[in-house]
Amino acid sequence: MNNILEKKLNIIEWLLKLKDDTIISKIELLQKTNVDSWDELTKEQKQEIEEAFSELENGKGIPHREVIAKFKR
């Protein structure tokens, strides 16, 4: 699978299970800005994004097939 596509799918899986309103709000703000402008993010925003990726890499996400199965029930 294309590496960028795999990363996007992992982010989607993580977002589907996310319950923290603070992080969701920050992601919404990020969505409203130019996502490609990493240098424009604050140090805190960068840290939170990096922590989210780290959690995914450490298996703290829910596999896509499980999320889809849950919503199909």
C-alpha atoms as a PDB file:
ATOM      1  CA  MET A   1       0.000   0.000   0.000  1.00  0.00           C
ATOM      2  CA  ASN A   2       1.131   3.533  -0.689  1.00  0.00           C
ATOM      3  CA  ASN A   3       2.900   4.803   2.447  1.00  0.00           C
ATOM      4  CA  ILE A   4       0.967   8.110   2.542  1.00  0.00           C
ATOM      5  CA  LEU A   5      -2.324   6.262   2.078  1.00  0.00           C
ATOM      6  CA  GLU A   6      -1.475   3.916   4.927  1.00  0.00           C
ATOM      7  CA  LYS A   7      -0.675   6.886   7.156  1.00  0.00           C
ATOM      8  CA  LYS A   8      -3.968   8.551   6.262  1.00  0.00           C
ATOM      9  CA  LEU A   9      -5.925   5.385   7.035  1.00  0.00           C
ATOM     10  CA  ASN A  10      -4.178   5.087  10.392  1.00  0.00           C
ATOM     11  CA  ILE A  11      -5.122   8.672  11.202  1.00  0.00           C
ATOM     12  CA  ILE A  12      -8.731   7.998  10.229  1.00  0.00           C
ATOM     13  CA  GLU A  13      -8.824   4.928  12.484  1.00  0.00           C
ATOM     14  CA  TRP A  14      -7.429   6.960  15.361  1.00  0.00           C
ATOM     15  CA  LEU A  15      -9.896   9.789  14.766  1.00  0.00           C
ATOM     16  CA  LEU A  16     -12.850   7.404  14.811  1.00  0.00           C
ATOM     17  CA  LYS A  17     -12.023   6.265  18.343  1.00  0.00           C
ATOM     18  CA  LEU A  18     -10.977   9.686  19.638  1.00  0.00           C
ATOM     19  CA  LYS A  19     -13.153  10.978  22.492  1.00  0.00           C
ATOM     20  CA  ASP A  20     -11.096  13.940  23.726  1.00  0.00           C
ATOM     21  CA  ASP A  21     -12.934  17.149  22.750  1.00  0.00           C
ATOM     22  CA  THR A  22      -9.795  19.224  23.235  1.00  0.00           C
ATOM     23  CA  ILE A  23      -7.837  17.246  20.670  1.00  0.00           C
ATOM     24  CA  ILE A  24     -10.803  17.174  18.286  1.00  0.00           C
ATOM     25  CA  SER A  25     -11.070  20.968  18.525  1.00  0.00           C
ATOM     26  CA  LYS A  26      -7.376  21.343  17.795  1.00  0.00           C
ATOM     27  CA  ILE A  27      -7.679  19.045  14.789  1.00  0.00           C
ATOM     28  CA  GLU A  28     -10.577  21.163  13.535  1.00  0.00           C
ATOM     29  CA  LEU A  29      -8.383  24.251  13.824  1.00  0.00           C
ATOM     30  CA  LEU A  30      -5.639  22.457  11.985  1.00  0.00           C
ATOM     31  CA  GLN A  31      -8.106  21.512   9.270  1.00  0.00           C
ATOM     32  CA  LYS A  32      -9.027  25.174   8.777  1.00  0.00           C
ATOM     33  CA  THR A  33      -5.395  26.116   8.245  1.00  0.00           C
ATOM     34  CA  ASN A  34      -2.971  25.016   5.594  1.00  0.00           C
ATOM     35  CA  VAL A  35      -2.066  21.538   6.837  1.00  0.00           C
ATOM     36  CA  ASP A  36       1.107  21.575   4.777  1.00  0.00           C
ATOM     37  CA  SER A  37       2.419  24.552   6.776  1.00  0.00           C
ATOM     38  CA  TRP A  38       4.093  22.610   9.581  1.00  0.00           C
ATOM     39  CA  ASP A  39       6.276  25.596  10.422  1.00  0.00           C
ATOM     40  CA  GLU A  40       3.196  27.691  11.197  1.00  0.00           C
ATOM     41  CA  LEU A  41       2.035  25.347  13.969  1.00  0.00           C
ATOM     42  CA  THR A  42       2.834  26.117  17.575  1.00  0.00           C
ATOM     43  CA  LYS A  43       5.317  23.967  19.468  1.00  0.00           C
ATOM     44  CA  GLU A  44       2.422  22.506  21.471  1.00  0.00           C
ATOM     45  CA  GLN A  45       0.447  21.620  18.344  1.00  0.00           C
ATOM     46  CA  LYS A  46       3.461  19.886  16.834  1.00  0.00           C
ATOM     47  CA  GLN A  47       4.037  17.939  20.048  1.00  0.00           C
ATOM     48  CA  GLU A  48       0.414  16.795  20.199  1.00  0.00           C
ATOM     49  CA  ILE A  49       0.481  15.645  16.577  1.00  0.00           C
ATOM     50  CA  GLU A  50       3.737  13.793  17.153  1.00  0.00           C
ATOM     51  CA  GLU A  51       2.288  12.159  20.290  1.00  0.00           C
ATOM     52  CA  ALA A  52      -0.764  11.036  18.316  1.00  0.00           C
ATOM     53  CA  PHE A  53       1.436   9.431  15.667  1.00  0.00           C
ATOM     54  CA  SER A  54       3.507   7.780  18.378  1.00  0.00           C
ATOM     55  CA  GLU A  55       0.377   6.293  19.941  1.00  0.00           C
ATOM     56  CA  LEU A  56      -0.633   4.870  16.575  1.00  0.00           C
ATOM     57  CA  GLU A  57       2.803   3.395  16.019  1.00  0.00           C
ATOM     58  CA  ASN A  58       2.618   1.736  19.459  1.00  0.00           C
ATOM     59  CA  GLY A  59      -0.615  -0.041  18.590  1.00  0.00           C
ATOM     60  CA  LYS A  60      -2.941   2.139  20.626  1.00  0.00           C
ATOM     61  CA  GLY A  61      -5.321   2.511  17.675  1.00  0.00           C
ATOM     62  CA  ILE A  62      -8.263   0.353  16.686  1.00  0.00           C
ATOM     63  CA  PRO A  63      -7.925  -1.511  13.374  1.00  0.00           C
ATOM     64  CA  HIS A  64     -10.122  -0.129  10.598  1.00  0.00           C
ATOM     65  CA  ARG A  65     -11.934  -3.453  10.109  1.00  0.00           C
ATOM     66  CA  GLU A  66     -12.993  -3.455  13.781  1.00  0.00           C
ATOM     67  CA  VAL A  67     -14.353   0.081  13.588  1.00  0.00           C
ATOM     68  CA  ILE A  68     -16.291  -0.698  10.425  1.00  0.00           C
ATOM     69  CA  ALA A  69     -17.656  -3.928  11.929  1.00  0.00           C
ATOM     70  CA  LYS A  70     -18.832  -2.005  15.002  1.00  0.00           C
ATOM     71  CA  PHE A  71     -20.728   0.555  12.913  1.00  0.00           C
ATOM     72  CA  LYS A  72     -22.287  -2.107  10.692  1.00  0.00           C
ATOM     73  CA  ARG A  73     -23.971  -3.749  13.698  1.00  0.00           C
END
